[in-house]
PDB file of N, CA and C in Angstrom:
ATOM      1  N   MET A   1      79.228 102.611  93.028  1.00  0.00           N
ATOM      2  CA  MET A   1      77.800 103.180  93.756  1.00  0.00           C
ATOM      3  C   MET A   1      77.929 102.285  94.853  1.00  0.00           C
ATOM      4  N   TYR A   2      78.218 101.417  95.048  1.00  0.00           N
ATOM      5  CA  TYR A   2      78.324 100.948  96.485  1.00  0.00           C
ATOM      6  C   TYR A   2      78.856 101.486  97.472  1.00  0.00           C
ATOM      7  N   CYS A   3      80.639 101.712  97.267  1.00  0.00           N
ATOM      8  CA  CYS A   3      80.639 102.340  97.933  1.00  0.00           C
ATOM      9  C   CYS A   3      80.465 103.644  98.442  1.00  0.00           C
ATOM     10  N   GLN A   4      80.097 104.608  97.485  1.00  0.00           N
ATOM     11  CA  GLN A   4      79.218 106.092  98.043  1.00  0.00           C
ATOM     12  C   GLN A   4      78.481 105.715  98.567  1.00  0.00           C
ATOM     13  N   VAL A   5      77.651 104.789  98.789  1.00  0.00           N
ATOM     14  CA  VAL A   5      76.273 104.834  99.444  1.00  0.00           C
ATOM     15  C   VAL A   5      76.826 104.896 101.177  1.00  0.00           C
ATOM     16  N   PHE A   6      78.327 104.185 101.523  1.00  0.00           N
ATOM     17  CA  PHE A   6      78.442 104.065 101.910  1.00  0.00           C
ATOM     18  C   PHE A   6      79.880 104.704 103.092  1.00  0.00           C
ATOM     19  N   GLY A   7      79.703 106.093 101.648  1.00  0.00           N
ATOM     20  CA  GLY A   7      80.710 107.672 101.737  1.00  0.00           C
ATOM     21  C   GLY A   7      81.823 106.874 101.935  1.00  0.00           C
ATOM     22  N   SER A   8      82.199 106.030 100.945  1.00  0.00           N
ATOM     23  CA  SER A   8      83.275 105.634 100.359  1.00  0.00           C
ATOM     24  C   SER A   8      83.595 106.091  99.339  1.00  0.00           C
ATOM     25  N   ASP A   9      85.059 105.439  98.452  1.00  0.00           N
ATOM     26  CA  ASP A   9      85.423 105.356  97.478  1.00  0.00           C
ATOM     27  C   ASP A   9      85.957 103.950  96.766  1.00  0.00           C
ATOM     28  N   LEU A  10      86.088 103.218  95.480  1.00  0.00           N
ATOM     29  CA  LEU A  10      86.552 102.325  95.819  1.00  0.00           C
ATOM     30  C   LEU A  10      88.471 102.590  95.819  1.00  0.00           C
ATOM     31  N   ALA A  11      89.037 101.557  96.524  1.00  0.00           N
ATOM     32  CA  ALA A  11      89.944 102.187  96.440  1.00  0.00           C
ATOM     33  C   ALA A  11      91.410 102.406  95.615  1.00  0.00           C
ATOM     34  N   ILE A  12      91.929 103.144  96.448  1.00  0.00           N
ATOM     35  CA  ILE A  12      93.197 103.913  95.550  1.00  0.00           C
ATOM     36  C   ILE A  12      94.885 103.632  95.782  1.00  0.00           C
ATOM     37  N   ILE A  13      95.303 102.840  94.936  1.00  0.00           N
ATOM     38  CA  ILE A  13      96.767 102.387  95.717  1.00  0.00           C
ATOM     39  C   ILE A  13      97.999 103.281  95.370  1.00  0.00           C
ATOM     40  N   GLU A  14      98.453 104.956  95.997  1.00  0.00           N
ATOM     41  CA  GLU A  14      99.752 105.204  95.426  1.00  0.00           C
ATOM     42  C   GLU A  14     100.894 105.218  96.303  1.00  0.00           C
ATOM     43  N   THR A  15     100.868 103.967  96.762  1.00  0.00           N
ATOM     44  CA  THR A  15     102.484 103.920  97.327  1.00  0.00           C
ATOM     45  C   THR A  15     102.748 102.297  98.201  1.00  0.00           C
ATOM     46  N   ALA A  16     103.966 102.290  97.711  1.00  0.00           N
ATOM     47  CA  ALA A  16     104.102 100.779  98.285  1.00  0.00           C
ATOM     48  C   ALA A  16     103.710 100.035  99.497  1.00  0.00           C
ATOM     49  N   ARG A  17     103.851 101.048 100.305  1.00  0.00           N
ATOM     50  CA  ARG A  17     102.949 100.763 101.791  1.00  0.00           C
ATOM     51  C   ARG A  17     101.334 100.420 101.670  1.00  0.00           C
ATOM     52  N   GLU A  18     100.836 101.179 100.812  1.00  0.00           N
ATOM     53  CA  GLU A  18      99.238 100.920 100.419  1.00  0.00           C
ATOM     54  C   GLU A  18      99.250  99.420  99.978  1.00  0.00           C
ATOM     55  N   GLN A  19     100.086  99.102  98.729  1.00  0.00           N
ATOM     56  CA  GLN A  19      99.598  98.161  98.078  1.00  0.00           C
ATOM     57  C   GLN A  19     100.123  96.539  99.089  1.00  0.00           C
ATOM     58  N   ASN A  20     101.248  97.148 100.041  1.00  0.00           N
ATOM     59  CA  ASN A  20     101.418  95.945 100.886  1.00  0.00           C
ATOM     60  C   ASN A  20     100.224  95.778 102.021  1.00  0.00           C
ATOM     61  N   PHE A  21      99.522  96.797 102.025  1.00  0.00           N
ATOM     62  CA  PHE A  21      98.905  96.578 103.647  1.00  0.00           C
ATOM     63  C   PHE A  21      97.760  95.689 102.912  1.00  0.00           C
ATOM     64  N   VAL A  22      97.035  96.212 101.284  1.00  0.00           N
ATOM     65  CA  VAL A  22      95.428  95.467 100.437  1.00  0.00           C
ATOM     66  C   VAL A  22      96.135  94.570 100.492  1.00  0.00           C
ATOM     67  N   GLU A  23      97.341  94.048  99.761  1.00  0.00           N
ATOM     68  CA  GLU A  23      98.151  92.532  99.382  1.00  0.00           C
ATOM     69  C   GLU A  23      97.613  91.655 101.334  1.00  0.00           C
ATOM     70  N   GLY A  24      98.489  92.022 101.716  1.00  0.00           N
ATOM     71  CA  GLY A  24      97.529  91.599 103.221  1.00  0.00           C
ATOM     72  C   GLY A  24      96.355  91.090 103.640  1.00  0.00           C
ATOM     73  N   PHE A  25      95.223  92.068 103.659  1.00  0.00           N
ATOM     74  CA  PHE A  25      94.142  92.413 103.666  1.00  0.00           C
ATOM     75  C   PHE A  25      93.339  91.251 102.754  1.00  0.00           C
ATOM     76  N   LEU A  26      93.505  91.595 101.439  1.00  0.00           N
ATOM     77  CA  LEU A  26      93.335  90.264 100.326  1.00  0.00           C
ATOM     78  C   LEU A  26      93.494  89.358 100.520  1.00  0.00           C
ATOM     79  N   ARG A  27      94.721  88.690 100.891  1.00  0.00           N
ATOM     80  CA  ARG A  27      94.818  87.585 101.311  1.00  0.00           C
ATOM     81  C   ARG A  27      94.628  87.060 102.742  1.00  0.00           C
ATOM     82  N   ARG A  28      94.530  87.443 103.982  1.00  0.00           N
ATOM     83  CA  ARG A  28      93.663  86.940 104.425  1.00  0.00           C
ATOM     84  C   ARG A  28      91.894  87.167 104.728  1.00  0.00           C
ATOM     85  N   GLU A  29      91.109  87.258 103.582  1.00  0.00           N
ATOM     86  CA  GLU A  29      89.994  87.589 103.409  1.00  0.00           C
ATOM     87  C   GLU A  29      89.594  86.616 102.103  1.00  0.00           C
ATOM     88  N   PHE A  30      90.858  86.416 101.403  1.00  0.00           N
ATOM     89  CA  PHE A  30      90.373  85.403 100.384  1.00  0.00           C
ATOM     90  C   PHE A  30      90.181  84.007 100.870  1.00  0.00           C
ATOM     91  N   LYS A  31      89.074  83.351 100.345  1.00  0.00           N
ATOM     92  CA  LYS A  31      88.087  82.171 100.410  1.00  0.00           C
ATOM     93  C   LYS A  31      87.898  81.374  99.549  1.00  0.00           C
ATOM     94  N   SER A  32      88.203  80.342  99.488  1.00  0.00           N
ATOM     95  CA  SER A  32      87.859  79.409  98.126  1.00  0.00           C
ATOM     96  C   SER A  32      86.415  79.291  97.431  1.00  0.00           C
ATOM     97  N   GLY A  33      86.162  79.939  96.142  1.00  0.00           N
ATOM     98  CA  GLY A  33      84.849  80.095  95.851  1.00  0.00           C
ATOM     99  C   GLY A  33      84.825  81.184  95.435  1.00  0.00           C
ATOM    100  N   MET A  34      85.925  82.336  95.685  1.00  0.00           N
ATOM    101  CA  MET A  34      85.287  83.525  96.137  1.00  0.00           C
ATOM    102  C   MET A  34      85.967  84.269  94.465  1.00  0.00           C
ATOM    103  N   SER A  35      85.021  85.074  93.860  1.00  0.00           N
ATOM    104  CA  SER A  35      85.983  85.748  92.689  1.00  0.00           C
ATOM    105  C   SER A  35      87.181  85.858  92.708  1.00  0.00           C
ATOM    106  N   ASP A  36      88.213  85.583  91.395  1.00  0.00           N
ATOM    107  CA  ASP A  36      89.178  86.103  91.477  1.00  0.00           C
ATOM    108  C   ASP A  36      90.028  87.310  91.776  1.00  0.00           C
ATOM    109  N   GLY A  37      88.796  88.259  91.203  1.00  0.00           N
ATOM    110  CA  GLY A  37      89.200  90.196  91.267  1.00  0.00           C
ATOM    111  C   GLY A  37      88.450  90.747  92.372  1.00  0.00           C
ATOM    112  N   VAL A  38      89.545  91.675  92.316  1.00  0.00           N
ATOM    113  CA  VAL A  38      88.857  92.362  93.531  1.00  0.00           C
ATOM    114  C   VAL A  38      89.326  94.518  92.438  1.00  0.00           C
ATOM    115  N   TRP A  39      88.106  94.648  92.158  1.00  0.00           N
ATOM    116  CA  TRP A  39      87.654  96.198  91.780  1.00  0.00           C
ATOM    117  C   TRP A  39      88.873  97.109  92.883  1.00  0.00           C
ATOM    118  N   ILE A  40      89.876  98.182  92.021  1.00  0.00           N
ATOM    119  CA  ILE A  40      89.949  98.783  92.878  1.00  0.00           C
ATOM    120  C   ILE A  40      89.512 100.295  91.796  1.00  0.00           C
ATOM    121  N   GLY A  41      90.020 101.608  92.246  1.00  0.00           N
ATOM    122  CA  GLY A  41      89.361 102.405  91.248  1.00  0.00           C
ATOM    123  C   GLY A  41      90.725 103.179  90.253  1.00  0.00           C
ATOM    124  N   GLY A  42      90.963 102.155  89.538  1.00  0.00           N
ATOM    125  CA  GLY A  42      91.151 102.809  88.308  1.00  0.00           C
ATOM    126  C   GLY A  42      91.057 102.379  87.053  1.00  0.00           C
ATOM    127  N   THR A  43      90.726 103.710  85.575  1.00  0.00           N
ATOM    128  CA  THR A  43      90.329 103.399  84.693  1.00  0.00           C
ATOM    129  C   THR A  43      91.302 104.383  84.037  1.00  0.00           C
ATOM    130  N   ASP A  44      91.345 103.934  81.877  1.00  0.00           N
ATOM    131  CA  ASP A  44      91.444 104.745  81.647  1.00  0.00           C
ATOM    132  C   ASP A  44      90.650 104.288  80.904  1.00  0.00           C
ATOM    133  N   SER A  45      89.254 104.934  80.966  1.00  0.00           N
ATOM    134  CA  SER A  45      87.863 105.116  80.212  1.00  0.00           C
ATOM    135  C   SER A  45      88.676 106.143  79.601  1.00  0.00           C
ATOM    136  N   LEU A  46      88.702 107.398  79.825  1.00  0.00           N
ATOM    137  CA  LEU A  46      88.338 108.428  78.962  1.00  0.00           C
ATOM    138  C   LEU A  46      89.708 108.635  77.420  1.00  0.00           C
ATOM    139  N   VAL A  47      90.767 108.530  78.386  1.00  0.00           N
ATOM    140  CA  VAL A  47      91.762 108.089  77.254  1.00  0.00           C
ATOM    141  C   VAL A  47      92.200 106.978  77.310  1.00  0.00           C
ATOM    142  N   GLU A  48      92.115 106.139  76.340  1.00  0.00           N
ATOM    143  CA  GLU A  48      92.727 104.765  76.067  1.00  0.00           C
ATOM    144  C   GLU A  48      94.497 105.165  76.588  1.00  0.00           C
ATOM    145  N   GLY A  49      94.749 103.951  77.594  1.00  0.00           N
ATOM    146  CA  GLY A  49      96.586 104.031  78.111  1.00  0.00           C
ATOM    147  C   GLY A  49      96.468 105.301  79.342  1.00  0.00           C
ATOM    148  N   GLU A  50      95.646 106.269  78.977  1.00  0.00           N
ATOM    149  CA  GLU A  50      96.101 106.824  80.019  1.00  0.00           C
ATOM    150  C   GLU A  50      95.124 106.502  81.186  1.00  0.00           C
ATOM    151  N   TRP A  51      96.079 106.043  82.395  1.00  0.00           N
ATOM    152  CA  TRP A  51      95.497 105.405  83.200  1.00  0.00           C
ATOM    153  C   TRP A  51      95.195 106.777  84.662  1.00  0.00           C
ATOM    154  N   GLN A  52      94.463 106.589  85.478  1.00  0.00           N
ATOM    155  CA  GLN A  52      94.041 107.825  86.399  1.00  0.00           C
ATOM    156  C   GLN A  52      93.471 106.836  87.325  1.00  0.00           C
ATOM    157  N   TRP A  53      93.400 107.417  88.373  1.00  0.00           N
ATOM    158  CA  TRP A  53      92.567 107.362  89.694  1.00  0.00           C
ATOM    159  C   TRP A  53      90.792 107.688  89.844  1.00  0.00           C
ATOM    160  N   VAL A  54      89.560 106.727  89.553  1.00  0.00           N
ATOM    161  CA  VAL A  54      89.165 107.657  89.694  1.00  0.00           C
ATOM    162  C   VAL A  54      88.197 109.142  90.633  1.00  0.00           C
ATOM    163  N   LYS A  55      88.532 108.527  91.456  1.00  0.00           N
ATOM    164  CA  LYS A  55      87.837 109.395  92.760  1.00  0.00           C
ATOM    165  C   LYS A  55      89.129 110.830  92.173  1.00  0.00           C
ATOM    166  N   THR A  56      90.273 111.183  91.776  1.00  0.00           N
ATOM    167  CA  THR A  56      91.310 111.851  92.731  1.00  0.00           C
ATOM    168  C   THR A  56      91.122 113.007  91.245  1.00  0.00           C
ATOM    169  N   GLY A  57      91.157 112.322  89.856  1.00  0.00           N
ATOM    170  CA  GLY A  57      92.040 112.360  89.139  1.00  0.00           C
ATOM    171  C   GLY A  57      93.104 112.355  88.495  1.00  0.00           C
ATOM    172  N   VAL A  58      93.757 112.060  89.509  1.00  0.00           N
ATOM    173  CA  VAL A  58      95.897 111.864  89.445  1.00  0.00           C
ATOM    174  C   VAL A  58      96.071 110.966  88.920  1.00  0.00           C
ATOM    175  N   SER A  59      96.879 111.403  87.328  1.00  0.00           N
ATOM    176  CA  SER A  59      97.364 110.134  86.481  1.00  0.00           C
ATOM    177  C   SER A  59      98.594 109.407  87.647  1.00  0.00           C
ATOM    178  N   ILE A  60      97.686 108.070  87.079  1.00  0.00           N
ATOM    179  CA  ILE A  60      98.445 106.813  87.913  1.00  0.00           C
ATOM    180  C   ILE A  60      99.821 106.620  86.736  1.00  0.00           C
ATOM    181  N   ASN A  61      99.948 107.004  85.701  1.00  0.00           N
ATOM    182  CA  ASN A  61     100.755 107.143  84.799  1.00  0.00           C
ATOM    183  C   ASN A  61     102.111 107.437  85.348  1.00  0.00           C
ATOM    184  N   GLN A  62     102.048 108.983  86.169  1.00  0.00           N
ATOM    185  CA  GLN A  62     102.671 109.702  86.275  1.00  0.00           C
ATOM    186  C   GLN A  62     103.011 109.606  87.414  1.00  0.00           C
ATOM    187  N   GLN A  63     102.519 108.754  88.876  1.00  0.00           N
ATOM    188  CA  GLN A  63     102.515 108.758  89.935  1.00  0.00           C
ATOM    189  C   GLN A  63     104.407 107.602  89.687  1.00  0.00           C
ATOM    190  N   GLU A  64     105.293 107.865  90.993  1.00  0.00           N
ATOM    191  CA  GLU A  64     105.876 107.180  91.270  1.00  0.00           C
ATOM    192  C   GLU A  64     105.361 105.325  91.765  1.00  0.00           C
ATOM    193  N   PHE A  65     104.828 105.105  92.008  1.00  0.00           N
ATOM    194  CA  PHE A  65     104.777 104.094  92.545  1.00  0.00           C
ATOM    195  C   PHE A  65     103.348 103.735  91.584  1.00  0.00           C
ATOM    196  N   THR A  66     103.959 102.085  90.576  1.00  0.00           N
ATOM    197  CA  THR A  66     103.247 101.549  89.759  1.00  0.00           C
ATOM    198  C   THR A  66     103.219  99.744  90.973  1.00  0.00           C
ATOM    199  N   HIS A  67     102.418  99.261  90.158  1.00  0.00           N
ATOM    200  CA  HIS A  67     102.250  97.767  90.965  1.00  0.00           C
ATOM    201  C   HIS A  67     101.840  96.759  89.542  1.00  0.00           C
ATOM    202  N   TRP A  68     102.058  96.866  88.307  1.00  0.00           N
ATOM    203  CA  TRP A  68     101.202  96.232  86.928  1.00  0.00           C
ATOM    204  C   TRP A  68     102.139  94.600  87.344  1.00  0.00           C
ATOM    205  N   TRP A  69     100.750  94.012  87.312  1.00  0.00           N
ATOM    206  CA  TRP A  69     101.218  92.477  86.294  1.00  0.00           C
ATOM    207  C   TRP A  69     102.334  92.296  85.516  1.00  0.00           C
ATOM    208  N   PRO A  70     103.376  91.918  85.545  1.00  0.00           N
ATOM    209  CA  PRO A  70     103.993  92.158  83.810  1.00  0.00           C
ATOM    210  C   PRO A  70     103.315  91.994  82.876  1.00  0.00           C
ATOM    211  N   GLY A  71     103.459  92.455  81.786  1.00  0.00           N
ATOM    212  CA  GLY A  71     102.998  92.495  80.670  1.00  0.00           C
ATOM    213  C   GLY A  71     101.400  93.702  80.350  1.00  0.00           C
ATOM    214  N   GLU A  72     101.103  93.983  81.903  1.00  0.00           N
ATOM    215  CA  GLU A  72      99.702  94.760  81.796  1.00  0.00           C
ATOM    216  C   GLU A  72     100.180  96.209  82.648  1.00  0.00           C
ATOM    217  N   PRO A  73      99.663  97.377  81.584  1.00  0.00           N
ATOM    218  CA  PRO A  73      98.066  97.225  81.507  1.00  0.00           C
ATOM    219  C   PRO A  73      98.575  96.622  79.434  1.00  0.00           C
ATOM    220  N   ASN A  74      97.298  95.895  78.984  1.00  0.00           N
ATOM    221  CA  ASN A  74      97.612  95.349  77.663  1.00  0.00           C
ATOM    222  C   ASN A  74      96.344  95.277  76.648  1.00  0.00           C
ATOM    223  N   SER A  75      94.601  96.365  77.571  1.00  0.00           N
ATOM    224  CA  SER A  75      93.861  95.937  76.970  1.00  0.00           C
ATOM    225  C   SER A  75      93.790  94.864  75.970  1.00  0.00           C
ATOM    226  N   SER A  76      93.648  94.087  76.144  1.00  0.00           N
ATOM    227  CA  SER A  76      92.964  92.537  75.765  1.00  0.00           C
ATOM    228  C   SER A  76      91.623  92.663  75.193  1.00  0.00           C
ATOM    229  N   GLY A  77      91.770  92.427  73.734  1.00  0.00           N
ATOM    230  CA  GLY A  77      89.835  91.712  73.335  1.00  0.00           C
ATOM    231  C   GLY A  77      89.849  92.786  73.035  1.00  0.00           C
ATOM    232  N   ASN A  78      88.415  92.883  71.737  1.00  0.00           N
ATOM    233  CA  ASN A  78      88.135  93.950  71.296  1.00  0.00           C
ATOM    234  C   ASN A  78      87.557  94.573  71.892  1.00  0.00           C
ATOM    235  N   LEU A  79      86.603  94.240  73.181  1.00  0.00           N
ATOM    236  CA  LEU A  79      85.771  95.698  73.808  1.00  0.00           C
ATOM    237  C   LEU A  79      86.701  96.194  74.882  1.00  0.00           C
ATOM    238  N   GLY A  80      88.089  96.220  74.641  1.00  0.00           N
ATOM    239  CA  GLY A  80      88.826  97.190  75.828  1.00  0.00           C
ATOM    240  C   GLY A  80      88.975  97.043  77.213  1.00  0.00           C
ATOM    241  N   GLU A  81      90.142  96.749  77.566  1.00  0.00           N
ATOM    242  CA  GLU A  81      89.468  96.993  78.846  1.00  0.00           C
ATOM    243  C   GLU A  81      90.113  97.889  79.628  1.00  0.00           C
ATOM    244  N   ASP A  82      89.276  98.685  80.270  1.00  0.00           N
ATOM    245  CA  ASP A  82      89.528  99.826  81.380  1.00  0.00           C
ATOM    246  C   ASP A  82      89.118 100.140  82.885  1.00  0.00           C
ATOM    247  N   CYS A  83      88.988  99.077  83.132  1.00  0.00           N
ATOM    248  CA  CYS A  83      89.013  99.400  84.868  1.00  0.00           C
ATOM    249  C   CYS A  83      90.652  98.277  85.236  1.00  0.00           C
ATOM    250  N   MET A  84      90.765  98.662  86.288  1.00  0.00           N
ATOM    251  CA  MET A  84      91.567  98.118  87.216  1.00  0.00           C
ATOM    252  C   MET A  84      90.824  97.441  88.238  1.00  0.00           C
ATOM    253  N   ASP A  85      91.618  95.885  88.068  1.00  0.00           N
ATOM    254  CA  ASP A  85      91.349  94.768  89.082  1.00  0.00           C
ATOM    255  C   ASP A  85      92.404  94.205  89.976  1.00  0.00           C
ATOM    256  N   LEU A  86      92.832  93.639  91.153  1.00  0.00           N
ATOM    257  CA  LEU A  86      93.683  93.186  91.594  1.00  0.00           C
ATOM    258  C   LEU A  86      93.156  91.241  91.341  1.00  0.00           C
ATOM    259  N   LEU A  87      94.453  90.797  91.231  1.00  0.00           N
ATOM    260  CA  LEU A  87      93.826  89.236  90.601  1.00  0.00           C
ATOM    261  C   LEU A  87      94.314  87.938  91.425  1.00  0.00           C
ATOM    262  N   HIS A  88      93.710  87.534  92.706  1.00  0.00           N
ATOM    263  CA  HIS A  88      94.422  86.346  93.167  1.00  0.00           C
ATOM    264  C   HIS A  88      94.994  86.037  92.586  1.00  0.00           C
ATOM    265  N   HIS A  89      95.174  85.045  91.270  1.00  0.00           N
ATOM    266  CA  HIS A  89      96.270  83.991  91.070  1.00  0.00           C
ATOM    267  C   HIS A  89      97.765  85.064  90.648  1.00  0.00           C
ATOM    268  N   GLU A  90      97.305  86.450  90.716  1.00  0.00           N
ATOM    269  CA  GLU A  90      98.681  86.895  90.023  1.00  0.00           C
ATOM    270  C   GLU A  90      98.799  87.833  91.051  1.00  0.00           C
ATOM    271  N   ASN A  91      99.317  87.768  92.222  1.00  0.00           N
ATOM    272  CA  ASN A  91      99.403  87.738  93.590  1.00  0.00           C
ATOM    273  C   ASN A  91      98.976  89.556  93.675  1.00  0.00           C
ATOM    274  N   TYR A  92      98.381  89.376  93.491  1.00  0.00           N
ATOM    275  CA  TYR A  92      96.914  90.979  93.695  1.00  0.00           C
ATOM    276  C   TYR A  92      97.560  92.130  93.173  1.00  0.00           C
ATOM    277  N   ASN A  93      99.216  91.830  92.007  1.00  0.00           N
ATOM    278  CA  ASN A  93      99.148  93.297  90.625  1.00  0.00           C
ATOM    279  C   ASN A  93      97.599  93.360  90.220  1.00  0.00           C
ATOM    280  N   TRP A  94      98.587  95.126  89.919  1.00  0.00           N
ATOM    281  CA  TRP A  94      97.441  94.893  89.465  1.00  0.00           C
ATOM    282  C   TRP A  94      97.289  94.752  87.938  1.00  0.00           C
ATOM    283  N   ASN A  95      95.915  95.025  87.505  1.00  0.00           N
ATOM    284  CA  ASN A  95      95.688  94.550  86.323  1.00  0.00           C
ATOM    285  C   ASN A  95      94.415  95.126  85.504  1.00  0.00           C
ATOM    286  N   ASP A  96      94.381  95.883  84.351  1.00  0.00           N
ATOM    287  CA  ASP A  96      93.360  96.327  83.188  1.00  0.00           C
ATOM    288  C   ASP A  96      92.534  95.059  82.652  1.00  0.00           C
ATOM    289  N   GLU A  97      91.152  94.959  83.209  1.00  0.00           N
ATOM    290  CA  GLU A  97      89.906  94.689  82.773  1.00  0.00           C
ATOM    291  C   GLU A  97      89.034  95.097  82.341  1.00  0.00           C
ATOM    292  N   ARG A  98      88.191  94.627  81.720  1.00  0.00           N
ATOM    293  CA  ARG A  98      86.864  94.668  81.179  1.00  0.00           C
ATOM    294  C   ARG A  98      86.038  94.973  82.662  1.00  0.00           C
ATOM    295  N   CYS A  99      85.830  95.976  82.551  1.00  0.00           N
ATOM    296  CA  CYS A  99      84.747  97.123  83.031  1.00  0.00           C
ATOM    297  C   CYS A  99      83.387  96.061  83.825  1.00  0.00           C
ATOM    298  N   ASP A 100      82.438  95.410  82.996  1.00  0.00           N
ATOM    299  CA  ASP A 100      81.512  94.828  83.088  1.00  0.00           C
ATOM    300  C   ASP A 100      81.498  93.564  83.632  1.00  0.00           C
ATOM    301  N   ARG A 101      82.680  92.895  84.211  1.00  0.00           N
ATOM    302  CA  ARG A 101      83.259  91.603  84.620  1.00  0.00           C
ATOM    303  C   ARG A 101      82.624  91.274  86.009  1.00  0.00           C
ATOM    304  N   GLN A 102      82.153  90.723  86.484  1.00  0.00           N
ATOM    305  CA  GLN A 102      81.874  90.617  87.887  1.00  0.00           C
ATOM    306  C   GLN A 102      82.784  90.574  88.407  1.00  0.00           C
ATOM    307  N   ALA A 103      83.148  90.736  89.789  1.00  0.00           N
ATOM    308  CA  ALA A 103      83.795  90.495  90.466  1.00  0.00           C
ATOM    309  C   ALA A 103      84.054  91.571  92.015  1.00  0.00           C
ATOM    310  N   ASN A 104      84.285  90.775  92.829  1.00  0.00           N
ATOM    311  CA  ASN A 104      84.286  91.735  94.336  1.00  0.00           C
ATOM    312  C   ASN A 104      84.668  93.199  94.046  1.00  0.00           C
ATOM    313  N   PHE A 105      84.819  94.294  94.840  1.00  0.00           N
ATOM    314  CA  PHE A 105      85.626  95.337  94.924  1.00  0.00           C
ATOM    315  C   PHE A 105      85.872  96.083  96.204  1.00  0.00           C
ATOM    316  N   LEU A 106      86.721  96.842  96.608  1.00  0.00           N
ATOM    317  CA  LEU A 106      87.101  97.060  97.673  1.00  0.00           C
ATOM    318  C   LEU A 106      86.993  98.764  97.616  1.00  0.00           C
ATOM    319  N   CYS A 107      86.404  99.257  98.551  1.00  0.00           N
ATOM    320  CA  CYS A 107      86.216 100.706  99.138  1.00  0.00           C
ATOM    321  C   CYS A 107      87.340 100.924 100.221  1.00  0.00           C
ATOM    322  N   GLU A 108      87.422 102.037 100.409  1.00  0.00           N
ATOM    323  CA  GLU A 108      88.423 103.081 101.356  1.00  0.00           C
ATOM    324  C   GLU A 108      87.528 103.955 101.506  1.00  0.00           C
ATOM    325  N   LYS A 109      87.499 104.391 102.717  1.00  0.00           N
ATOM    326  CA  LYS A 109      87.367 105.585 103.566  1.00  0.00           C
ATOM    327  C   LYS A 109      88.866 106.273 104.470  1.00  0.00           C
ATOM    328  N   LEU A 110      88.757 107.604 104.459  1.00  0.00           N
ATOM    329  CA  LEU A 110      89.394 108.453 105.228  1.00  0.00           C
ATOM    330  C   LEU A 110      89.010 108.744 106.459  1.00  0.00           C
ATOM    331  N   ALA A 111      89.325 108.384 107.398  1.00  0.00           N
ATOM    332  CA  ALA A 111      88.690 108.746 109.034  1.00  0.00           C
ATOM    333  C   ALA A 111      88.906 109.669 109.530  1.00  0.00           C
ATOM    334  N   ALA A 112      88.101 110.259 110.418  1.00  0.00           N
ATOM    335  CA  ALA A 112      88.381 111.538 110.660  1.00  0.00           C
ATOM    336  C   ALA A 112      89.542 112.302 111.226  1.00  0.00           C
ATOM    337  N   THR A 113      90.430 111.323 111.072  1.00  0.00           N
ATOM    338  CA  THR A 113      91.561 111.656 111.507  1.00  0.00           C
ATOM    339  C   THR A 113      92.678 111.720 110.228  1.00  0.00           C
ATOM    340  N   GLY A 114      91.422 111.348 108.726  1.00  0.00           N
ATOM    341  CA  GLY A 114      92.473 111.262 107.979  1.00  0.00           C
ATOM    342  C   GLY A 114      92.980 110.427 107.451  1.00  0.00           C
ATOM    343  N   GLN A 115      93.502 108.967 108.498  1.00  0.00           N
ATOM    344  CA  GLN A 115      93.577 107.647 107.584  1.00  0.00           C
ATOM    345  C   GLN A 115      92.820 106.954 106.803  1.00  0.00           C
ATOM    346  N   GLN A 116      93.044 106.719 106.038  1.00  0.00           N
ATOM    347  CA  GLN A 116      92.638 105.566 104.730  1.00  0.00           C
ATOM    348  C   GLN A 116      92.372 104.245 105.975  1.00  0.00           C
ATOM    349  N   ILE A 117      91.464 103.846 105.626  1.00  0.00           N
ATOM    350  CA  ILE A 117      90.536 102.740 106.000  1.00  0.00           C
ATOM    351  C   ILE A 117      89.834 102.063 105.040  1.00  0.00           C
ATOM    352  N   ILE A 118      90.341 100.817 104.663  1.00  0.00           N
ATOM    353  CA  ILE A 118      90.424 100.235 103.373  1.00  0.00           C
ATOM    354  C   ILE A 118      89.559  98.964 103.849  1.00  0.00           C
ATOM    355  N   GLY A 119      88.569  98.286 102.646  1.00  0.00           N
ATOM    356  CA  GLY A 119      87.683  97.379 103.903  1.00  0.00           C
ATOM    357  C   GLY A 119      86.541  96.791 102.455  1.00  0.00           C
TER     358      GLY A 119
END
């Protein structure tokens, strides 16, 4: 909801180029004491195991590029892990996590030129 207040949405990552950009941005911005995770816009909350981007509804399982940490997504725990984050200690690879976990988030907005702006 915070992202939408500013005319943006949680970030989606569909290419290796976008992943590299996001990783570089997060590495530059990370400070000691910050939360480890950063929310992005992936979920499997509608159907367990069927990951999609919230904003577009595009299937992550079927997209050519994915960047899951080895062993993820794993839906660990009884409450399920239906939201996607990038963890500093996992080199900003994708991770499934409980949606009620407190963490920072990454918003993106399309510029008037159609380019993505992430921040």
